[in-house]
Protein backbone atom coordinates (compact mmCIF):
# COMPACT_ATOMS: atom_id res chain seq x y z
CA MET A 1 -93.51 -38.99 20.87
CA SER A 2 -96.94 -39.78 19.45
CA GLY A 3 -99.09 -36.80 18.62
CA SER A 4 -96.41 -34.16 19.11
CA ALA A 5 -95.46 -31.90 16.23
CA THR A 6 -91.86 -31.42 15.20
CA VAL A 7 -90.56 -28.29 13.53
CA PRO A 8 -88.11 -28.78 10.66
CA VAL A 9 -84.77 -27.10 11.26
CA ARG A 10 -82.71 -26.20 8.23
CA THR A 11 -79.00 -26.58 8.84
CA ALA A 12 -76.23 -24.53 7.23
CA GLY A 13 -75.53 -27.45 4.94
CA GLY A 14 -79.10 -27.50 3.64
CA ARG A 15 -80.32 -30.59 5.56
CA ALA A 16 -83.51 -30.75 7.57
CA GLY A 17 -83.58 -31.97 11.16
CA SER A 18 -85.96 -32.06 14.08
CA ALA A 19 -86.07 -29.33 16.72
CA ALA A 20 -87.72 -31.69 19.18
CA GLY A 21 -85.02 -34.27 18.50
CA GLU A 22 -82.30 -31.72 19.12
CA ARG A 23 -83.91 -30.66 22.42
CA ALA A 24 -83.99 -34.31 23.44
CA GLY A 25 -80.24 -34.54 22.75
CA ALA A 26 -80.47 -36.66 19.61
CA ARG A 27 -77.46 -36.44 17.36
CA PRO A 28 -77.97 -35.53 13.71
CA PRO A 29 -77.01 -38.28 11.26
CA ALA A 30 -73.30 -38.40 10.48
CA ALA A 31 -72.23 -37.01 7.12
CA PRO A 32 -70.89 -39.55 4.61
CA THR A 33 -67.16 -40.15 4.97
CA ARG A 34 -66.53 -38.64 1.53
CA TRP A 35 -67.61 -35.29 2.96
CA VAL A 36 -64.89 -35.45 5.61
CA TRP A 37 -62.37 -35.65 2.75
CA LEU A 38 -64.15 -32.97 0.70
CA ALA A 39 -64.30 -30.66 3.72
CA ALA A 40 -60.49 -30.73 3.78
CA TRP A 41 -60.20 -29.52 0.17
CA PRO A 42 -60.67 -25.76 0.89
CA VAL A 43 -57.83 -26.03 3.42
CA THR A 44 -55.61 -27.63 0.78
CA ALA A 45 -56.57 -25.09 -1.91
CA VAL A 46 -55.73 -22.07 0.26
CA PHE A 47 -52.47 -23.62 1.45
CA ILE A 48 -51.45 -24.25 -2.16
CA LEU A 49 -51.66 -20.46 -2.53
CA SER A 50 -49.77 -19.88 0.73
CA ASN A 51 -46.51 -21.22 -0.73
CA ALA A 52 -47.09 -20.93 -4.49
CA ALA A 53 -44.96 -17.77 -4.58
CA THR A 54 -41.88 -19.50 -3.12
CA PRO A 55 -40.21 -20.58 -6.40
CA LEU A 56 -41.19 -17.31 -8.10
CA TYR A 57 -39.26 -14.99 -5.80
CA VAL A 58 -36.12 -15.44 -7.89
CA LEU A 59 -38.04 -13.97 -10.84
CA TRP A 60 -39.33 -11.03 -8.80
CA GLN A 61 -35.86 -10.46 -7.31
CA ARG A 62 -34.42 -10.34 -10.83
CA ASP A 63 -37.11 -8.02 -12.18
CA ILE A 64 -37.69 -5.79 -9.14
CA GLY A 65 -34.43 -6.14 -7.22
CA PHE A 66 -34.49 -6.74 -3.44
CA SER A 67 -32.30 -8.39 -0.79
CA LYS A 68 -32.75 -11.58 1.24
CA GLY A 69 -33.77 -9.39 4.17
CA THR A 70 -36.53 -7.79 2.10
CA LEU A 71 -37.61 -11.25 0.98
CA THR A 72 -38.10 -12.37 4.57
CA VAL A 73 -40.04 -9.15 5.28
CA VAL A 74 -42.43 -10.04 2.44
CA PHE A 75 -42.80 -13.44 4.05
CA ALA A 76 -43.37 -11.82 7.46
CA CYS A 77 -46.23 -9.73 6.05
CA TYR A 78 -47.95 -13.01 5.33
CA ILE A 79 -47.42 -14.00 8.97
CA ALA A 80 -48.75 -10.59 10.11
CA GLY A 81 -51.93 -11.02 8.07
CA LEU A 82 -52.33 -14.56 9.34
CA LEU A 83 -51.92 -13.59 13.00
CA GLY A 84 -54.31 -10.66 12.64
CA SER A 85 -56.85 -12.97 11.05
CA LEU A 86 -56.48 -15.49 13.88
CA LEU A 87 -57.47 -12.81 16.42
CA VAL A 88 -60.89 -12.66 14.79
CA SER A 89 -61.65 -15.67 12.61
CA GLY A 90 -61.73 -18.36 15.28
CA VAL A 91 -64.15 -16.48 17.53
CA VAL A 92 -66.36 -15.39 14.63
CA SER A 93 -66.46 -18.93 13.24
CA ASP A 94 -67.52 -20.39 16.58
CA ARG A 95 -70.30 -17.79 16.85
CA VAL A 96 -71.78 -17.44 13.37
CA GLY A 97 -70.61 -20.64 11.68
CA ARG A 98 -67.83 -21.91 9.46
CA LYS A 99 -69.19 -20.87 6.07
CA PRO A 100 -69.53 -17.11 6.86
CA VAL A 101 -65.78 -17.13 7.60
CA LEU A 102 -64.60 -19.50 4.88
CA LEU A 103 -66.36 -17.87 1.93
CA PRO A 104 -64.91 -14.36 2.47
CA ALA A 105 -61.50 -15.96 3.08
CA LEU A 106 -61.66 -17.73 -0.27
CA GLY A 107 -62.69 -14.45 -1.91
CA LEU A 108 -59.64 -12.75 -0.42
CA ALA A 109 -57.45 -15.61 -1.65
CA LEU A 110 -58.80 -15.04 -5.18
CA ALA A 111 -57.97 -11.33 -4.83
CA ALA A 112 -54.43 -12.25 -3.73
CA CYS A 113 -54.02 -14.29 -6.93
CA LEU A 114 -54.95 -11.27 -9.03
CA VAL A 115 -52.43 -9.05 -7.21
CA PHE A 116 -49.68 -11.67 -7.49
CA ALA A 117 -50.33 -12.11 -11.21
CA GLY A 118 -49.78 -8.40 -11.88
CA ALA A 119 -47.12 -7.71 -9.22
CA GLY A 120 -44.39 -5.34 -10.39
CA THR A 121 -43.27 -3.84 -7.07
CA VAL A 122 -42.35 -5.01 -3.59
CA ALA A 123 -45.49 -3.20 -2.33
CA ALA A 124 -47.68 -5.39 -4.54
CA LEU A 125 -45.98 -8.52 -3.22
CA ILE A 126 -46.56 -7.31 0.33
CA VAL A 127 -50.28 -6.72 -0.35
CA ALA A 128 -50.67 -10.13 -1.99
CA ARG A 129 -48.89 -11.86 0.87
CA LEU A 130 -50.97 -9.94 3.42
CA PHE A 131 -54.21 -11.04 1.70
CA THR A 132 -52.91 -14.60 1.60
CA GLY A 133 -52.06 -14.53 5.29
CA ILE A 134 -55.55 -13.32 6.22
CA ALA A 135 -57.12 -16.08 4.14
CA VAL A 136 -54.85 -18.72 5.65
CA GLY A 137 -55.63 -17.52 9.18
CA ALA A 138 -59.33 -17.99 8.53
CA VAL A 139 -58.78 -21.43 7.04
CA VAL A 140 -56.58 -22.81 9.83
CA SER A 141 -59.24 -21.85 12.37
CA ALA A 142 -62.63 -22.17 10.63
CA GLY A 143 -61.54 -24.59 7.89
CA MET A 144 -59.91 -27.12 10.19
CA ALA A 145 -62.81 -26.87 12.63
CA ALA A 146 -65.18 -27.51 9.70
CA VAL A 147 -63.37 -30.77 8.95
CA ALA A 148 -63.77 -31.81 12.60
CA ASP A 149 -67.45 -30.79 12.55
CA VAL A 150 -68.21 -32.85 9.45
CA ALA A 151 -66.26 -35.82 10.87
CA GLY A 152 -68.28 -35.70 14.09
CA PRO A 153 -67.37 -37.14 17.50
CA GLU A 154 -67.25 -40.71 16.22
CA ARG A 155 -64.49 -39.87 13.68
CA LYS A 156 -62.32 -37.49 15.70
CA ARG A 157 -59.04 -39.10 14.71
CA LEU A 158 -59.94 -39.02 11.02
CA GLY A 159 -60.98 -35.36 11.30
CA SER A 160 -57.72 -34.38 13.01
CA LEU A 161 -55.65 -36.36 10.51
CA LEU A 162 -57.31 -34.96 7.38
CA ALA A 163 -57.36 -31.37 8.64
CA SER A 164 -53.65 -31.51 9.46
CA CYS A 165 -52.67 -33.35 6.27
CA ALA A 166 -54.72 -30.97 4.11
CA MET A 167 -52.66 -28.08 5.44
CA VAL A 168 -49.21 -29.59 4.92
CA PHE A 169 -50.05 -31.28 1.60
CA GLY A 170 -51.32 -28.00 0.16
CA ALA A 171 -48.29 -26.16 1.54
CA GLY A 172 -46.04 -28.59 -0.33
CA LEU A 173 -48.05 -28.86 -3.52
CA GLY A 174 -48.07 -25.08 -4.00
CA PRO A 175 -44.34 -24.55 -4.63
CA LEU A 176 -44.03 -27.71 -6.74
CA LEU A 177 -46.96 -26.70 -8.94
CA ALA A 178 -45.63 -23.15 -9.23
CA GLY A 179 -42.10 -24.32 -10.03
CA VAL A 180 -43.19 -26.67 -12.81
CA LEU A 181 -45.78 -24.32 -14.35
CA SER A 182 -43.45 -21.32 -14.25
CA GLU A 183 -40.82 -23.17 -16.27
CA THR A 184 -43.19 -24.76 -18.80
CA LEU A 185 -45.79 -22.05 -19.49
CA PRO A 186 -45.42 -18.51 -20.85
CA ALA A 187 -45.97 -15.55 -18.51
CA PRO A 188 -45.05 -17.71 -15.49
CA THR A 189 -46.27 -15.46 -12.68
CA VAL A 190 -49.62 -15.07 -14.45
CA ALA A 191 -50.08 -18.74 -15.38
CA VAL A 192 -49.38 -20.03 -11.87
CA PHE A 193 -52.01 -17.86 -10.23
CA ALA A 194 -54.57 -18.41 -12.99
CA VAL A 195 -54.41 -22.15 -12.24
CA GLU A 196 -54.66 -21.46 -8.51
CA MET A 197 -57.78 -19.35 -9.08
CA VAL A 198 -59.46 -22.35 -10.71
CA LEU A 199 -58.60 -24.48 -7.69
CA LEU A 200 -60.00 -21.84 -5.33
CA VAL A 201 -63.27 -21.69 -7.26
CA THR A 202 -63.71 -25.44 -6.75
CA ALA A 203 -63.06 -24.87 -3.03
CA VAL A 204 -65.84 -22.24 -2.95
CA LEU A 205 -68.23 -24.79 -4.47
CA ALA A 206 -67.20 -27.35 -1.85
CA VAL A 207 -67.88 -24.90 1.01
CA LEU A 208 -71.29 -23.97 -0.40
CA ARG A 209 -72.31 -27.65 -0.41
CA MET A 210 -70.66 -28.67 2.85
CA PRO A 211 -73.06 -30.28 5.40
CA LEU A 212 -72.38 -27.96 8.34
CA ARG A 213 -74.69 -26.99 11.19
CA ARG A 214 -74.94 -23.48 12.62
CA PRO A 215 -73.58 -23.02 16.17
CA ALA A 216 -76.16 -23.97 18.78
CA ALA A 217 -74.75 -22.03 21.73
CA PRO A 218 -72.35 -19.24 20.72
CA VAL A 219 -69.66 -18.20 23.19
CA ARG A 220 -70.04 -14.75 24.73
CA GLY A 221 -67.32 -12.13 24.96
CA PRO A 222 -65.43 -9.74 22.66
CA TRP A 223 -65.36 -10.53 18.95
CA MET A 224 -61.67 -9.72 18.63
CA ARG A 225 -59.29 -11.17 21.20
CA VAL A 226 -56.19 -13.25 21.60
CA PRO A 227 -57.57 -16.76 21.00
CA GLY A 228 -57.52 -19.22 23.85
CA VAL A 229 -59.01 -22.46 25.11
CA PRO A 230 -61.56 -23.27 27.82
CA ARG A 231 -60.39 -23.67 31.40
CA GLY A 232 -58.76 -27.05 31.86
CA SER A 233 -57.44 -27.32 28.29
CA GLY A 234 -54.38 -25.11 28.71
CA THR A 235 -52.04 -28.06 29.22
CA GLN A 236 -53.03 -29.60 25.88
CA LEU A 237 -52.53 -26.26 24.12
CA ALA A 238 -49.12 -25.70 25.74
CA GLN A 239 -47.86 -29.14 24.74
CA GLY A 240 -49.04 -28.66 21.16
CA ILE A 241 -47.39 -25.24 20.81
CA ALA A 242 -44.15 -26.47 22.41
CA VAL A 243 -43.57 -28.87 19.49
CA PHE A 244 -45.59 -27.32 16.66
CA ALA A 245 -43.88 -23.91 16.94
CA PRO A 246 -40.30 -25.13 16.34
CA GLY A 247 -41.55 -27.41 13.56
CA ILE A 248 -43.35 -24.76 11.56
CA THR A 249 -40.50 -22.30 12.16
CA ALA A 250 -38.09 -24.81 10.63
CA THR A 251 -40.24 -25.31 7.52
CA SER A 252 -40.76 -21.53 7.25
CA PHE A 253 -37.01 -21.03 7.12
CA VAL A 254 -36.65 -23.61 4.35
CA LEU A 255 -39.44 -21.93 2.39
CA SER A 256 -38.07 -18.41 2.72
CA LEU A 257 -34.31 -19.02 2.37
CA GLY A 258 -34.18 -22.55 0.94
CA PRO A 259 -33.88 -21.31 -2.68
CA SER A 260 -30.92 -19.13 -1.65
CA LEU A 261 -29.28 -22.11 0.04
CA LEU A 262 -29.83 -24.22 -3.08
CA ALA A 263 -28.35 -21.52 -5.25
CA GLY A 264 -25.26 -21.41 -3.04
CA LEU A 265 -24.82 -25.18 -2.78
CA LEU A 266 -25.89 -26.28 -6.26
CA GLY A 267 -25.34 -23.10 -8.21
CA THR A 268 -28.89 -23.43 -9.55
CA THR A 269 -31.84 -21.07 -9.59
CA SER A 270 -34.18 -23.71 -11.01
CA ARG A 271 -37.70 -22.98 -9.80
CA THR A 272 -38.65 -26.62 -10.25
CA VAL A 273 -35.80 -27.76 -8.00
CA ALA A 274 -36.72 -25.22 -5.32
CA GLY A 275 -40.38 -26.19 -5.55
CA ALA A 276 -39.52 -29.90 -5.45
CA MET A 277 -37.51 -29.46 -2.25
CA ALA A 278 -40.47 -27.74 -0.58
CA PHE A 279 -42.83 -30.42 -1.90
CA VAL A 280 -40.67 -33.24 -0.56
CA MET A 281 -40.50 -31.49 2.81
CA PHE A 282 -44.27 -31.26 3.10
CA LEU A 283 -44.77 -34.69 1.57
CA ALA A 284 -42.77 -35.97 4.53
CA ALA A 285 -45.04 -33.93 6.82
CA THR A 286 -48.09 -35.56 5.22
CA GLY A 287 -46.80 -39.12 5.09
CA VAL A 288 -45.52 -39.18 8.65
CA GLN A 289 -48.96 -38.24 9.97
CA PHE A 290 -50.56 -41.27 8.32
CA ALA A 291 -47.73 -43.40 9.70
CA VAL A 292 -48.09 -42.26 13.33
CA GLN A 293 -51.84 -41.61 13.51
CA ARG A 294 -52.48 -44.56 15.85
CA LEU A 295 -49.59 -43.85 18.21
CA PRO A 296 -50.19 -42.12 21.56
CA ARG A 297 -50.29 -38.36 21.18
CA ARG A 298 -47.45 -37.90 23.67
CA THR A 299 -45.24 -40.22 21.60
CA VAL A 300 -46.09 -38.31 18.42
CA LEU A 301 -45.15 -34.98 20.01
CA LEU A 302 -41.86 -36.31 21.41
CA ALA A 303 -40.95 -37.73 18.01
CA GLY A 304 -41.79 -34.40 16.39
CA ALA A 305 -39.47 -32.52 18.74
CA ALA A 306 -36.69 -35.03 18.04
CA CYS A 307 -37.12 -34.61 14.26
CA VAL A 308 -36.82 -30.81 14.46
CA THR A 309 -33.69 -31.13 16.60
CA LEU A 310 -32.10 -33.46 14.05
CA ALA A 311 -33.27 -31.20 11.19
CA MET A 312 -31.39 -28.24 12.62
CA ALA A 313 -28.26 -30.33 13.15
CA ALA A 314 -28.48 -31.39 9.48
CA LEU A 315 -29.02 -27.77 8.39
CA ILE A 316 -25.93 -26.59 10.23
CA GLY A 317 -23.96 -29.45 8.72
CA ALA A 318 -25.27 -28.64 5.23
CA VAL A 319 -24.15 -25.00 5.23
CA ARG A 320 -20.82 -25.83 6.87
CA THR A 321 -19.90 -28.66 4.47
CA ALA A 322 -21.81 -27.46 1.37
CA SER A 323 -23.71 -30.76 1.38
CA VAL A 324 -26.88 -30.96 -0.71
CA GLY A 325 -27.67 -34.33 0.89
CA LEU A 326 -27.67 -32.83 4.38
CA LEU A 327 -29.85 -29.94 3.18
CA LEU A 328 -32.39 -32.41 1.81
CA ALA A 329 -32.24 -34.38 5.08
CA ALA A 330 -32.86 -31.15 6.98
CA ALA A 331 -35.93 -30.41 4.85
CA LEU A 332 -37.33 -33.94 5.29
CA LEU A 333 -36.78 -33.91 9.05
CA ALA A 334 -38.23 -30.41 9.39
CA GLY A 335 -41.35 -31.52 7.49
CA ALA A 336 -41.72 -34.60 9.67
CA GLY A 337 -41.27 -32.47 12.79
CA GLN A 338 -43.94 -29.98 11.75
CA GLY A 339 -46.31 -32.76 10.69
CA MET A 340 -46.10 -34.60 14.00
CA GLY A 341 -46.22 -31.43 16.08
CA GLN A 342 -49.27 -30.25 14.18
CA LEU A 343 -51.09 -33.59 14.32
CA GLY A 344 -50.32 -34.05 18.01
CA GLY A 345 -51.45 -30.53 18.85
CA LEU A 346 -54.69 -30.73 16.85
CA SER A 347 -55.49 -34.17 18.27
CA LEU A 348 -55.03 -32.96 21.84
CA LEU A 349 -57.33 -30.00 21.21
CA ASN A 350 -59.97 -32.12 19.46
CA SER A 351 -59.97 -34.48 22.45
CA ALA A 352 -60.28 -31.76 25.08
CA VAL A 353 -62.12 -28.76 23.56
CA PRO A 354 -65.89 -28.74 22.84
CA PRO A 355 -66.93 -28.03 19.22
CA ARG A 356 -68.29 -24.59 20.12
CA ARG A 357 -64.76 -23.42 21.02
CA LEU A 358 -62.77 -25.56 18.57
CA ALA A 359 -62.09 -22.92 15.89
CA GLU A 360 -60.76 -20.53 18.53
CA ALA A 361 -58.61 -23.31 20.00
CA ASN A 362 -57.17 -24.06 16.54
CA ALA A 363 -56.44 -20.34 16.16
CA ALA A 364 -54.63 -20.32 19.52
CA LEU A 365 -52.42 -23.24 18.45
CA ASN A 366 -51.51 -21.47 15.21
CA VAL A 367 -50.82 -18.14 16.91
CA GLY A 368 -48.34 -19.94 19.15
CA GLY A 369 -46.72 -21.53 16.12
CA TYR A 370 -46.67 -18.67 13.64
CA VAL A 371 -45.25 -15.97 15.94
CA PRO A 372 -41.77 -17.58 16.04
CA ALA A 373 -42.24 -18.75 12.43
CA GLY A 374 -42.50 -15.09 11.43
CA LEU A 375 -39.84 -13.58 13.69
CA LEU A 376 -36.97 -16.07 13.52
CA PRO A 377 -36.66 -16.49 9.72
CA VAL A 378 -36.80 -12.69 9.27
CA SER A 379 -34.01 -12.30 11.82
CA ALA A 380 -32.03 -15.02 10.07
CA GLY A 381 -32.55 -13.31 6.70
CA TYR A 382 -31.16 -9.97 7.87
CA LEU A 383 -28.37 -11.66 9.78
CA SER A 384 -27.46 -13.55 6.60
CA ASP A 385 -27.28 -10.27 4.67
CA ALA A 386 -24.87 -8.92 7.31
CA VAL A 387 -22.60 -11.90 8.03
CA GLY A 388 -23.30 -14.36 5.21
CA LEU A 389 -25.82 -17.12 4.72
CA PRO A 390 -23.75 -19.93 6.35
CA THR A 391 -23.34 -17.99 9.60
CA GLY A 392 -26.94 -16.80 9.61
CA ALA A 393 -28.24 -20.31 9.03
CA THR A 394 -25.96 -21.70 11.75
CA VAL A 395 -27.23 -19.21 14.34
CA PHE A 396 -30.83 -19.87 13.33
CA GLY A 397 -30.34 -23.64 13.50
CA THR A 398 -28.74 -23.45 16.95
CA VAL A 399 -31.55 -21.30 18.40
CA LEU A 400 -34.25 -23.51 16.94
CA MET A 401 -32.50 -26.67 18.14
CA VAL A 402 -32.63 -25.31 21.69
CA LEU A 403 -36.34 -24.50 21.32
CA ALA A 404 -37.10 -27.98 19.95
CA VAL A 405 -35.31 -29.68 22.85
CA ALA A 406 -37.19 -27.44 25.30
CA GLY A 407 -40.47 -28.37 23.60
CA GLY A 408 -39.70 -32.05 23.97
CA LEU A 409 -38.94 -31.53 27.66
CA VAL A 410 -42.30 -29.77 28.14
CA VAL A 411 -44.10 -32.80 26.71
CA ALA A 412 -41.93 -35.32 28.59
CA ALA A 413 -42.54 -33.51 31.88
CA ARG A 414 -46.29 -34.13 31.65
CA ARG A 415 -47.40 -37.44 33.04
CA ARG A 416 -49.31 -39.65 30.65
CA THR A 417 -53.04 -39.05 31.03
CA PRO A 418 -56.07 -40.36 29.10
CA ASP A 419 -56.51 -37.09 27.23
CA ALA A 420 -52.81 -36.93 26.42
CA GLY A 421 -53.10 -40.39 24.91
């Protein structure tokens, strides 16, 4: 308006805007598309750390000495840290911004690398996994919401796709990188985490430069609470959890006990082979999301539930027939199931939840997924110690197959609506 003064507003990303324009409802200019991709890098970097320890457990088991049950407890400490982080990080991110959550999370991830590099006891592994879980919890809430924020409303599908793919690609790259480096470099447990620290430093630089705006209207209420979604979005959350939870539980089992299964079926303790299996699993999770991104969300979720069901049938067949081919099929199908469940769930939330509650909504989806992902593999690990790995894996596969079918029925029972796409 002619003659009226405008007051520059500095955003969290360092860009200037117009206060008068914001009051008039004008949208800030969209960030370049390259920033949507770069915003996903911190998610990838932290998820590389989340599974980098997977191929190294055989070294720690040899040097420290602990059972498969103890191994799943170490994994569960990661889940505990992650769930505790999700109770806080989503709400804090929606109130004070993405960067004030992401930067401390990356600092904690760097600390986890230092503890892993010098780990000589089970207690050290537990601390490192706990730190990693806290960092991952912050990233799956604030980091994924940051990708959606940078993408903006006009690129919602791209934001959902890149946020989801960043998570699963990092989760798969971590064990492959660790497996290869640990067998080609001296001091394997030190070298792996030294490389990861370099990657995390680049993620810190990306967050510092990210074009993010501070929250305009923070949500009121307690700072620490079980994360949820606004009224009217519960159906979308329930459908996402119904498929995402069995999917991520299936991949968690492969990560925690997959090396033991490989050792039994192939007679190998190769860290590269174990890392490659995890990488292929998450590569399937990444690739399938690009393949189905334009399909209706309901179709994506139903396909995800079907993949997890088939994955568990293949897992049971693998341990009963000592078939490496079926084990690989189980890993591929589990990855595809998690990928589609995750993409479908995130897409539903991005379509129904306003940006000011999006980080908390992402946290709610992940709480629903990671609770069974922590409990069921631990139970399977101790059951395997008691009755043998084939029986333990069979019981686990049967339970998860039932949950996957139930998740598919939850999605199928909902009539197709515009927001369910």
